[in-house]
Amino acid sequence: MPPRHQVAAPGRSDRPSAPDRLRFAGEGSHDDLYAALDLGTNNCRLLIAQPTRPGQFRVVDAFSRIVRLGEGLGATGQLSQDAMDRAVDALRICASKLSGREIRRMRLIATEACRAAENGESFLERVTNETGLELEIINRETEARLAVSGCSSLVGREARSVVLFDIGGGSSEIAVIRIADNRSSRLANHITHWTSLPVGVVTLSERHGGRDVTPDIFEAMTQEVEGMLARFDCPDLPRGPDGYPEDFHLIGTSGTVTTLAGVHLDLPRYDRRKVDGVWLSDAEVTAMQAKLLSWDYAGRAANPCIGPDRADLVLAGCAILEAIRRRWPSSRMRVADRGLREGLLTDMMADDGVWRRGRTRRPNTHRER
């Protein structure tokens, strides 16, 4: 059975994309389907889901492909032709999946690569012309809030402070969350400080090199990100006698942290069900980073949880993670294989009041496959 997620997200979109090519269910349909697409600097991801119990949904269909849309962007300021072609090919598959179902509502977003590129807007016009999909470029604050909302169910009930980070391909979003006794159902309401660093695994690896990473190169990458974090005006969290902030933990949502978890669990192949929600101690994260740094490119590429698509990016991600850990030391970190898409889905469902209707939904066997 596909996994269920319990998340909450801010923001809304009232206009479905490409109404001339996609079919939408009518108001109040018992089989309401929602869709969320995230086109990032490195990945193109789609989720189609159906509301189930309050605050939860069932994934009906999903798609993910590494497209490296931001490849070379840092040097040229432009999306390259090859990168755009790869992204359009992936988006055609997404459009096919969407056109084959009755989608009540969808939101399709693009992030840092399209924000930063001089030709980002013209590329999205091409996407609409060739696939029928209309993507919106969201700002960094919206991206940070959606990352928080997509992971809200992974915040420990005892937690009073959390730093949630999303290490992307071209940017990294960080949110500091303070939770009092009156905990809101939408975790994004508890964000006190947030920042978006103009660096991600693609941009950092392109600047420093991602294939042959020595300890000195790794430290240089880490210090570059530390310099960016030093400009983030955010009060330090009070620390307990063990040196860590009390009732505090990190949450990481990105390919970097899920890869670390997969390597830590020694999985024969990546398994989202085993990775999403797993806790890693501070010592375990340190050990996994050291292990990856000790492997050469071929060794990283051979690991089933890394593979050749991430082998030149994962250590750049670890350097960003290391800078975050130095700024906010924590005894443990929770790993999230979820994020923007989950936040988008739950937001749309909550805005439509699907969990207030009290309807009994048909068994999954009656769904179109």
Protein backbone atom coordinates (compact mmCIF):
# COMPACT_ATOMS: atom_id res chain seq x y z
CA MET A 1 0.00 0.00 0.00
CA PRO A 2 1.37 3.47 -0.81
CA PRO A 3 2.59 5.44 2.20
CA ARG A 4 0.46 7.93 4.07
CA HIS A 5 1.70 11.31 5.14
CA GLN A 6 0.41 13.64 7.80
CA VAL A 7 1.43 17.19 7.02
CA ALA A 8 0.18 20.77 6.95
CA ALA A 9 1.10 23.65 4.69
CA PRO A 10 0.44 27.34 4.10
CA GLY A 11 -0.41 29.13 0.88
CA ARG A 12 -2.95 28.31 -1.80
CA SER A 13 -3.58 28.32 -5.49
CA ASP A 14 -7.10 28.72 -6.90
CA ARG A 15 -6.23 28.25 -10.56
CA PRO A 16 -5.56 24.76 -11.91
CA SER A 17 -2.89 24.48 -14.57
CA ALA A 18 -3.55 23.81 -18.26
CA PRO A 19 -7.37 23.55 -18.17
CA ASP A 20 -7.42 22.98 -21.93
CA ARG A 21 -5.49 19.71 -21.59
CA LEU A 22 -6.38 18.30 -18.19
CA ARG A 23 -9.69 17.09 -16.77
CA PHE A 24 -10.82 18.12 -13.30
CA ALA A 25 -13.32 16.54 -10.92
CA GLY A 26 -16.40 18.51 -9.98
CA GLU A 27 -16.97 20.15 -6.62
CA GLY A 28 -17.62 17.60 -3.90
CA SER A 29 -16.48 14.53 -5.82
CA HIS A 30 -16.01 11.56 -3.48
CA ASP A 31 -12.77 10.65 -5.23
CA ASP A 32 -11.07 14.05 -5.09
CA LEU A 33 -7.47 13.91 -6.28
CA TYR A 34 -4.89 16.61 -5.71
CA ALA A 35 -1.52 17.09 -7.39
CA ALA A 36 1.68 18.90 -6.48
CA LEU A 37 4.75 19.33 -8.67
CA ASP A 38 8.11 20.71 -7.59
CA LEU A 39 10.68 21.59 -10.26
CA GLY A 40 13.93 22.32 -8.44
CA THR A 41 17.52 22.92 -9.39
CA ASN A 42 18.30 19.20 -9.35
CA ASN A 43 15.02 17.29 -9.35
CA CYS A 44 11.57 17.21 -10.89
CA ARG A 45 9.01 15.63 -8.56
CA LEU A 46 5.27 15.00 -8.78
CA LEU A 47 2.75 13.63 -6.28
CA ILE A 48 -0.91 12.83 -6.89
CA ALA A 49 -2.82 12.08 -3.72
CA GLN A 50 -6.26 11.48 -2.25
CA PRO A 51 -7.38 12.77 1.18
CA THR A 52 -8.01 10.06 3.76
CA ARG A 53 -8.22 10.58 7.51
CA PRO A 54 -8.06 14.13 8.89
CA GLY A 55 -4.68 15.65 8.12
CA GLN A 56 -3.58 12.69 6.01
CA PHE A 57 -3.60 11.56 2.42
CA ARG A 58 -2.80 8.52 0.32
CA VAL A 59 -0.34 8.78 -2.54
CA VAL A 60 -2.00 7.56 -5.74
CA ASP A 61 0.87 8.22 -8.13
CA ALA A 62 4.36 9.69 -7.91
CA PHE A 63 7.23 10.61 -10.17
CA SER A 64 10.78 11.78 -9.49
CA ARG A 65 13.69 12.33 -11.82
CA ILE A 66 17.06 14.05 -11.48
CA VAL A 67 17.17 16.65 -14.27
CA ARG A 68 19.94 19.03 -13.08
CA LEU A 69 18.11 22.04 -14.40
CA GLY A 70 20.60 24.35 -12.68
CA GLU A 71 23.69 22.73 -14.17
CA GLY A 72 26.15 25.49 -15.12
CA LEU A 73 23.77 28.23 -13.96
CA GLY A 74 26.25 29.68 -11.48
CA ALA A 75 28.81 30.32 -14.22
CA THR A 76 26.52 31.57 -16.99
CA GLY A 77 23.41 32.96 -15.28
CA GLN A 78 21.38 30.97 -17.82
CA LEU A 79 19.63 27.62 -17.95
CA SER A 80 21.49 25.58 -20.54
CA GLN A 81 19.76 24.02 -23.53
CA ASP A 82 20.60 20.47 -22.42
CA ALA A 83 19.31 21.12 -18.89
CA MET A 84 16.05 22.61 -20.20
CA ASP A 85 15.59 19.67 -22.56
CA ARG A 86 16.01 17.21 -19.66
CA ALA A 87 13.49 19.09 -17.56
CA VAL A 88 10.94 19.30 -20.37
CA ASP A 89 11.25 15.55 -20.98
CA ALA A 90 10.49 14.91 -17.30
CA LEU A 91 7.61 17.39 -17.30
CA ARG A 92 6.06 15.66 -20.31
CA ILE A 93 5.83 12.51 -18.20
CA CYS A 94 4.22 14.52 -15.40
CA ALA A 95 1.72 16.01 -17.83
CA SER A 96 0.83 12.54 -19.07
CA LYS A 97 0.22 11.32 -15.53
CA LEU A 98 -1.98 14.32 -14.77
CA SER A 99 -3.98 14.18 -18.00
CA GLY A 100 -4.92 10.56 -17.33
CA ARG A 101 -6.73 11.41 -14.08
CA GLU A 102 -9.46 13.72 -12.88
CA ILE A 103 -7.58 16.22 -10.74
CA ARG A 104 -9.70 18.46 -8.55
CA ARG A 105 -6.90 20.91 -7.85
CA MET A 106 -3.17 21.19 -8.40
CA ARG A 107 -0.26 23.50 -7.76
CA LEU A 108 2.90 23.32 -9.84
CA ILE A 109 5.93 25.23 -8.60
CA ALA A 110 9.47 26.06 -9.68
CA THR A 111 12.20 27.12 -7.26
CA GLU A 112 15.77 28.42 -7.25
CA ALA A 113 16.98 27.57 -10.76
CA CYS A 114 14.07 29.38 -12.39
CA ARG A 115 14.25 32.19 -9.82
CA ALA A 116 17.93 32.84 -10.50
CA ALA A 117 18.19 32.25 -14.25
CA GLU A 118 17.91 35.15 -16.65
CA ASN A 119 15.93 32.88 -18.96
CA GLY A 120 13.83 31.29 -16.21
CA GLU A 121 10.56 32.91 -17.27
CA SER A 122 11.08 32.14 -20.96
CA PHE A 123 11.86 28.53 -20.07
CA LEU A 124 8.54 28.22 -18.24
CA GLU A 125 6.78 29.64 -21.29
CA ARG A 126 8.39 26.86 -23.30
CA VAL A 127 7.19 24.34 -20.69
CA THR A 128 3.60 25.56 -21.10
CA ASN A 129 3.80 25.48 -24.89
CA GLU A 130 5.27 21.98 -25.04
CA THR A 131 3.57 20.23 -22.11
CA GLY A 132 0.49 22.29 -21.25
CA LEU A 133 1.73 22.71 -17.67
CA GLU A 134 1.80 26.19 -16.12
CA LEU A 135 4.42 26.44 -13.36
CA GLU A 136 4.71 29.33 -10.92
CA ILE A 137 8.02 30.52 -9.50
CA ILE A 138 7.67 30.76 -5.73
CA ASN A 139 9.77 33.05 -3.57
CA ARG A 140 12.23 31.84 -0.96
CA GLU A 141 10.03 32.60 2.03
CA THR A 142 7.19 30.53 0.59
CA GLU A 143 9.64 27.72 -0.10
CA ALA A 144 10.90 27.78 3.50
CA ARG A 145 7.36 27.77 4.92
CA LEU A 146 6.28 24.90 2.68
CA ALA A 147 9.31 22.85 3.70
CA VAL A 148 8.29 23.31 7.35
CA SER A 149 4.67 22.47 6.71
CA GLY A 150 5.52 19.39 4.70
CA CYS A 151 7.44 17.95 7.64
CA SER A 152 5.22 19.06 10.53
CA SER A 153 4.24 15.56 11.64
CA LEU A 154 7.91 14.68 12.21
CA VAL A 155 8.41 17.27 14.95
CA GLY A 156 8.65 15.51 18.28
CA ARG A 157 5.78 16.28 20.65
CA GLU A 158 8.26 17.15 23.38
CA ALA A 159 10.19 19.58 21.19
CA ARG A 160 10.12 23.25 22.09
CA SER A 161 12.62 24.35 19.46
CA VAL A 162 13.42 22.93 16.03
CA VAL A 163 15.67 23.99 13.18
CA LEU A 164 14.37 22.58 9.92
CA PHE A 165 16.52 22.75 6.81
CA ASP A 166 16.02 21.84 3.18
CA ILE A 167 19.28 21.47 1.25
CA GLY A 168 18.35 21.98 -2.37
CA GLY A 169 20.25 22.03 -5.61
CA GLY A 170 20.62 25.80 -5.87
CA SER A 171 19.51 27.13 -2.50
CA SER A 172 19.10 25.91 1.07
CA GLU A 173 16.16 26.99 3.22
CA ILE A 174 16.45 27.09 7.00
CA ALA A 175 13.66 27.82 9.49
CA VAL A 176 13.96 28.29 13.24
CA ILE A 177 10.81 27.16 15.01
CA ARG A 178 9.80 27.91 18.60
CA ILE A 179 6.85 25.99 19.97
CA ALA A 180 5.05 27.09 23.12
CA ASP A 181 2.21 25.31 24.90
CA ASN A 182 -0.36 26.57 22.39
CA ARG A 183 0.91 24.51 19.47
CA SER A 184 -0.77 25.44 16.21
CA SER A 185 -1.98 22.80 13.79
CA ARG A 186 0.15 24.55 11.18
CA LEU A 187 3.76 24.39 12.25
CA ALA A 188 4.73 27.22 9.91
CA ASN A 189 2.90 29.58 12.27
CA HIS A 190 5.71 28.94 14.80
CA ILE A 191 8.57 30.07 12.55
CA THR A 192 10.45 32.87 14.33
CA HIS A 193 13.39 33.26 11.93
CA TRP A 194 14.13 31.95 8.46
CA THR A 195 16.76 32.33 5.79
CA SER A 196 17.49 31.09 2.31
CA LEU A 197 21.15 30.53 1.52
CA PRO A 198 22.06 31.06 -2.15
CA VAL A 199 23.88 27.74 -2.24
CA GLY A 200 22.90 24.14 -2.82
CA VAL A 201 24.51 20.85 -3.77
CA VAL A 202 24.78 21.69 -7.46
CA THR A 203 26.18 25.21 -7.06
CA LEU A 204 28.59 24.28 -4.26
CA SER A 205 29.94 21.20 -6.03
CA GLU A 206 30.43 23.16 -9.24
CA ARG A 207 32.49 25.78 -7.40
CA HIS A 208 34.67 23.36 -5.44
CA GLY A 209 34.47 20.13 -7.43
CA GLY A 210 32.33 17.21 -6.39
CA ARG A 211 34.11 14.17 -7.79
CA ASP A 212 37.45 14.30 -5.97
CA VAL A 213 36.77 15.84 -2.58
CA THR A 214 39.65 15.94 -0.09
CA PRO A 215 39.21 16.82 3.59
CA ASP A 216 40.63 20.27 2.79
CA ILE A 217 38.10 20.83 0.00
CA PHE A 218 35.31 19.60 2.26
CA GLU A 219 36.38 22.06 4.97
CA ALA A 220 36.54 24.89 2.43
CA MET A 221 32.97 24.16 1.33
CA THR A 222 31.82 24.01 4.94
CA GLN A 223 33.47 27.32 5.80
CA GLU A 224 31.89 29.01 2.78
CA VAL A 225 28.45 28.04 4.07
CA GLU A 226 29.41 28.98 7.63
CA GLY A 227 30.20 32.45 6.35
CA MET A 228 26.71 32.72 4.89
CA LEU A 229 25.14 31.50 8.13
CA ALA A 230 27.15 34.05 10.10
CA ARG A 231 25.13 36.77 8.36
CA PHE A 232 21.85 35.16 9.47
CA ASP A 233 20.59 37.33 12.33
CA CYS A 234 19.08 34.77 14.68
CA PRO A 235 19.55 34.47 18.46
CA ASP A 236 21.36 31.36 19.67
CA LEU A 237 19.26 28.73 21.38
CA PRO A 238 19.95 28.35 25.12
CA ARG A 239 21.98 25.22 25.84
CA GLY A 240 21.61 22.67 28.60
CA PRO A 241 24.36 21.08 30.72
CA ASP A 242 25.26 18.63 27.92
CA GLY A 243 26.06 21.48 25.55
CA TYR A 244 22.97 20.95 23.39
CA PRO A 245 19.82 23.10 23.45
CA GLU A 246 17.12 21.54 25.63
CA ASP A 247 14.01 20.03 24.02
CA PHE A 248 15.53 20.70 20.61
CA HIS A 249 16.31 18.73 17.48
CA LEU A 250 17.14 19.19 13.81
CA ILE A 251 14.96 18.08 10.92
CA GLY A 252 16.58 17.64 7.53
CA THR A 253 14.64 17.24 4.30
CA SER A 254 16.81 16.71 1.25
CA GLY A 255 18.61 14.09 -0.78
CA THR A 256 21.66 14.68 1.40
CA VAL A 257 20.08 13.60 4.67
CA THR A 258 18.05 10.77 3.15
CA THR A 259 21.23 9.48 1.53
CA LEU A 260 23.07 9.60 4.86
CA ALA A 261 20.24 7.68 6.48
CA GLY A 262 20.21 5.06 3.73
CA VAL A 263 23.97 4.53 4.06
CA HIS A 264 23.66 4.40 7.85
CA LEU A 265 20.95 1.74 7.61
CA ASP A 266 23.07 -0.18 5.06
CA LEU A 267 20.08 -0.58 2.76
CA PRO A 268 20.58 -2.83 -0.29
CA ARG A 269 18.54 -0.22 -2.19
CA TYR A 270 16.94 3.02 -1.12
CA ASP A 271 13.62 2.48 0.68
CA ARG A 272 11.62 5.56 1.58
CA ARG A 273 9.52 3.67 4.13
CA LYS A 274 12.63 2.86 6.18
CA VAL A 275 14.24 6.28 5.83
CA ASP A 276 11.40 8.76 6.34
CA GLY A 277 11.16 9.67 10.02
CA VAL A 278 14.32 7.87 11.17
CA TRP A 279 16.41 9.47 13.92
CA LEU A 280 20.18 9.85 13.66
CA SER A 281 22.32 10.77 16.64
CA ASP A 282 24.95 13.48 16.39
CA ALA A 283 27.67 10.81 16.46
CA GLU A 284 25.97 8.78 13.73
CA VAL A 285 25.77 11.79 11.41
CA THR A 286 29.46 12.52 12.00
CA ALA A 287 30.35 8.89 11.28
CA MET A 288 28.34 8.80 8.06
CA GLN A 289 29.90 12.01 6.78
CA ALA A 290 33.36 10.66 7.53
CA LYS A 291 32.54 7.41 5.73
CA LEU A 292 31.37 9.21 2.60
CA LEU A 293 34.43 11.47 2.67
CA SER A 294 36.68 8.40 2.84
CA TRP A 295 35.16 6.93 -0.35
CA ASP A 296 36.32 7.99 -3.78
CA TYR A 297 33.88 8.92 -6.52
CA ALA A 298 33.57 5.33 -7.78
CA GLY A 299 32.88 4.08 -4.26
CA ARG A 300 30.13 6.62 -3.73
CA ALA A 301 28.61 5.88 -7.14
CA ALA A 302 28.58 2.15 -6.34
CA ASN A 303 26.56 2.61 -3.16
CA PRO A 304 22.90 1.79 -3.88
CA CYS A 305 21.66 4.73 -1.80
CA ILE A 306 23.84 7.23 -3.67
CA GLY A 307 24.38 6.05 -7.23
CA PRO A 308 26.09 7.89 -10.08
CA ASP A 309 23.46 10.65 -10.19
CA ARG A 310 24.34 11.87 -6.68
CA ALA A 311 27.95 10.73 -6.31
CA ASP A 312 29.36 14.16 -7.24
CA LEU A 313 26.80 16.08 -5.16
CA VAL A 314 26.47 14.28 -1.85
CA LEU A 315 29.64 15.65 -0.23
CA ALA A 316 28.65 19.22 -1.09
CA GLY A 317 25.38 18.48 0.68
CA CYS A 318 27.28 17.08 3.65
CA ALA A 319 29.32 20.30 3.83
CA ILE A 320 26.12 22.37 4.00
CA LEU A 321 24.81 20.01 6.66
CA GLU A 322 28.06 20.31 8.62
CA ALA A 323 27.82 24.10 8.62
CA ILE A 324 24.25 23.87 9.92
CA ARG A 325 25.29 21.44 12.65
CA ARG A 326 28.10 23.75 13.74
CA ARG A 327 25.66 26.66 14.01
CA TRP A 328 22.97 24.63 15.80
CA PRO A 329 24.53 21.66 17.63
CA SER A 330 21.95 18.99 18.38
CA SER A 331 22.06 15.58 19.98
CA ARG A 332 19.85 14.18 17.22
CA MET A 333 18.47 14.82 13.78
CA ARG A 334 15.29 13.49 12.20
CA VAL A 335 15.32 12.59 8.52
CA ALA A 336 12.43 13.56 6.28
CA ASP A 337 11.80 12.11 2.86
CA ARG A 338 9.09 14.68 2.26
CA GLY A 339 8.88 18.41 1.80
CA LEU A 340 7.39 20.94 -0.60
CA ARG A 341 4.99 18.63 -2.41
CA GLU A 342 3.50 17.34 0.83
CA GLY A 343 3.07 20.87 2.09
CA LEU A 344 1.36 21.93 -1.13
CA LEU A 345 -1.01 18.96 -1.07
CA THR A 346 -2.12 19.40 2.51
CA ASP A 347 -2.59 23.12 2.04
CA MET A 348 -4.93 22.62 -0.89
CA MET A 349 -6.86 19.90 0.93
CA ALA A 350 -7.18 21.99 4.08
CA ASP A 351 -8.31 25.06 2.11
CA ASP A 352 -10.98 22.97 0.40
CA GLY A 353 -12.17 21.58 3.75
CA VAL A 354 -11.96 17.97 2.59
CA TRP A 355 -11.32 16.71 6.13
CA ARG A 356 -14.39 18.54 7.50
CA ARG A 357 -16.86 16.82 5.23
CA GLY A 358 -16.98 13.54 7.10
CA ARG A 359 -17.56 11.60 3.91
CA THR A 360 -16.82 7.91 3.60
CA ARG A 361 -14.47 7.40 0.70
CA ARG A 362 -14.58 4.46 -1.63
CA PRO A 363 -12.07 1.65 -1.14
CA ASN A 364 -8.82 2.06 -3.04
CA THR A 365 -9.67 -0.87 -5.31
CA HIS A 366 -12.22 1.32 -7.08
CA ARG A 367 -9.62 3.91 -8.01
CA GLU A 368 -8.37 4.28 -11.57
CA ARG A 369 -4.87 2.82 -11.88
